[in-house]
Amino acid sequence: MSSFNENVIEEFRANGGKVGGPFEGRTNMVLITTTGAKSGRSVTNPLVYVPDGDRIILIASNGGADKNPAWFHNLRADQRLTVEVGTETYAAKAEFVTAPESDELYARMVELMPQFADYRVKTTRDIPVVAVYRHTA
């Protein structure tokens, strides 16, 4: 994991879900912990999300890179994850959203963070959209 991500995770947990830097005051931050598809280890990633009723929406943009982020591959292998929003932590399950709903949700992310429009231009891959639901036993 990058030291940037480690610092964001530490700041998030120390400040009840608030972080500074490029994310200060204008984004919805979440920490997701997935199980590594190859390693089997717990892996935590800080992400921005779109709130959508009883679910949160994640965009597997990977900054516009030509491959999906590792956390997305982990969710493909095991849809169970842990979510940290603010000071709350809960078990959740991921579902993969397809068009036309994925296009609508991606547009909502662009409204929150305009740089997500650039990510689509930078890559030829379809950027996946993931809906995360609180897991109820």
Protein backbone atom coordinates (compact mmCIF):
# COMPACT_ATOMS: atom_id res chain seq x y z
CA MET A 1 0.00 0.00 0.00
CA SER A 2 1.25 3.47 -0.78
CA SER A 3 2.30 5.78 2.01
CA PHE A 4 -0.27 8.27 0.63
CA ASN A 5 -3.08 5.76 1.25
CA GLU A 6 -1.65 4.85 4.66
CA ASN A 7 -1.64 8.53 5.65
CA VAL A 8 -5.21 9.04 4.43
CA ILE A 9 -6.40 5.95 6.34
CA GLU A 10 -4.65 7.11 9.52
CA GLU A 11 -6.09 10.62 9.20
CA PHE A 12 -9.58 9.27 8.45
CA ARG A 13 -9.58 7.07 11.55
CA ALA A 14 -8.07 9.76 13.79
CA ASN A 15 -10.61 12.42 12.71
CA GLY A 16 -13.91 10.56 12.57
CA GLY A 17 -13.89 10.13 8.80
CA LYS A 18 -12.58 13.59 7.89
CA VAL A 19 -9.45 14.08 5.82
CA GLY A 20 -7.59 17.07 4.47
CA GLY A 21 -5.39 17.59 1.46
CA PRO A 22 -7.11 17.12 -1.91
CA PHE A 23 -10.21 15.70 -0.19
CA GLU A 24 -10.78 18.40 2.41
CA GLY A 25 -14.38 19.52 2.85
CA ARG A 26 -15.68 18.49 -0.53
CA THR A 27 -15.92 14.75 -0.80
CA ASN A 28 -17.51 11.76 0.82
CA MET A 29 -14.71 9.52 2.04
CA VAL A 30 -15.00 5.86 2.91
CA LEU A 31 -12.57 3.14 3.87
CA ILE A 32 -13.25 -0.29 2.43
CA THR A 33 -11.53 -3.43 3.59
CA THR A 34 -11.57 -6.34 1.16
CA THR A 35 -9.95 -9.76 1.18
CA GLY A 36 -7.04 -10.01 -1.24
CA ALA A 37 -8.00 -12.26 -4.16
CA LYS A 38 -4.49 -13.75 -4.29
CA SER A 39 -3.07 -13.07 -0.83
CA GLY A 40 -6.16 -13.72 1.30
CA ARG A 41 -5.06 -10.78 3.47
CA SER A 42 -7.28 -7.88 4.54
CA VAL A 43 -6.59 -4.82 2.41
CA THR A 44 -7.94 -1.35 3.27
CA ASN A 45 -8.38 1.39 0.67
CA PRO A 46 -9.59 4.99 1.07
CA LEU A 47 -12.08 5.92 -1.64
CA VAL A 48 -14.55 8.63 -2.49
CA TYR A 49 -18.17 7.57 -2.89
CA VAL A 50 -21.56 8.74 -4.05
CA PRO A 51 -24.31 8.38 -1.42
CA ASP A 52 -27.37 6.72 -2.93
CA GLY A 53 -30.17 5.97 -0.47
CA ASP A 54 -29.30 2.90 1.59
CA ARG A 55 -26.17 2.16 -0.44
CA ILE A 56 -22.91 3.81 -1.36
CA ILE A 57 -21.54 3.91 -4.90
CA LEU A 58 -17.86 3.29 -5.66
CA ILE A 59 -16.18 3.98 -8.98
CA ALA A 60 -13.26 1.69 -9.96
CA SER A 61 -11.52 4.47 -11.90
CA ASN A 62 -7.95 3.77 -10.79
CA GLY A 63 -7.24 7.37 -11.81
CA GLY A 64 -7.98 6.53 -15.44
CA ALA A 65 -5.36 3.76 -15.63
CA ASP A 66 -5.85 1.00 -18.20
CA LYS A 67 -6.45 -1.64 -15.54
CA ASN A 68 -8.97 -1.94 -12.75
CA PRO A 69 -7.79 -1.20 -9.19
CA ALA A 70 -6.81 -4.12 -6.96
CA TRP A 71 -9.78 -3.52 -4.64
CA PHE A 72 -12.14 -4.15 -7.57
CA HIS A 73 -10.43 -7.48 -8.37
CA ASN A 74 -10.75 -8.40 -4.69
CA LEU A 75 -14.50 -7.69 -4.77
CA ARG A 76 -14.89 -9.73 -7.95
CA ALA A 77 -13.44 -12.70 -6.04
CA ASP A 78 -15.38 -12.06 -2.80
CA GLN A 79 -18.18 -9.49 -2.67
CA ARG A 80 -18.02 -9.20 1.14
CA LEU A 81 -16.27 -6.16 2.56
CA THR A 82 -16.09 -3.94 5.60
CA VAL A 83 -17.07 -0.28 5.25
CA GLU A 84 -15.99 2.63 7.45
CA VAL A 85 -17.98 5.84 7.02
CA GLY A 86 -17.38 8.59 9.55
CA THR A 87 -17.10 6.77 12.88
CA GLU A 88 -19.32 3.84 11.82
CA THR A 89 -18.01 0.45 10.68
CA TYR A 90 -20.24 -2.22 9.16
CA ALA A 91 -20.21 -5.41 7.11
CA ALA A 92 -21.33 -4.94 3.54
CA LYS A 93 -21.82 -6.69 0.21
CA ALA A 94 -20.88 -5.38 -3.22
CA GLU A 95 -22.97 -5.58 -6.38
CA PHE A 96 -21.71 -4.65 -9.83
CA VAL A 97 -23.86 -2.05 -11.61
CA THR A 98 -24.40 -2.14 -15.37
CA ALA A 99 -25.61 0.41 -17.91
CA PRO A 100 -27.72 2.46 -18.04
CA GLU A 101 -27.70 2.80 -14.23
CA SER A 102 -23.89 2.77 -14.08
CA ASP A 103 -23.75 5.73 -16.49
CA GLU A 104 -26.16 7.73 -14.33
CA LEU A 105 -24.18 6.96 -11.16
CA TYR A 106 -20.88 7.81 -12.84
CA ALA A 107 -22.34 11.17 -13.89
CA ARG A 108 -23.25 11.84 -10.24
CA MET A 109 -19.62 11.16 -9.24
CA VAL A 110 -18.45 13.63 -11.91
CA GLU A 111 -20.75 16.25 -10.32
CA LEU A 112 -19.02 15.65 -6.96
CA MET A 113 -15.49 15.37 -8.35
CA PRO A 114 -15.11 16.69 -11.92
CA GLN A 115 -11.76 14.94 -12.42
CA PHE A 116 -13.67 11.66 -12.81
CA ALA A 117 -14.68 12.90 -16.29
CA ASP A 118 -10.98 12.96 -17.20
CA TYR A 119 -10.52 9.37 -16.02
CA ARG A 120 -12.94 8.11 -18.69
CA VAL A 121 -11.02 9.99 -21.38
CA LYS A 122 -7.66 8.56 -20.25
CA THR A 123 -8.62 4.88 -20.69
CA THR A 124 -10.35 2.66 -23.22
CA ARG A 125 -11.73 0.31 -20.55
CA ASP A 126 -15.23 0.61 -19.19
CA ILE A 127 -14.79 1.93 -15.67
CA PRO A 128 -16.77 -0.31 -13.31
CA VAL A 129 -19.39 1.03 -10.91
CA VAL A 130 -20.00 -0.83 -7.65
CA ALA A 131 -22.99 -0.51 -5.31
CA VAL A 132 -22.27 -1.39 -1.69
CA TYR A 133 -25.11 -2.47 0.58
CA ARG A 134 -25.04 -2.88 4.34
CA HIS A 135 -25.00 -6.63 4.99
CA THR A 136 -27.92 -7.87 7.06
CA ALA A 137 -27.70 -11.37 8.47
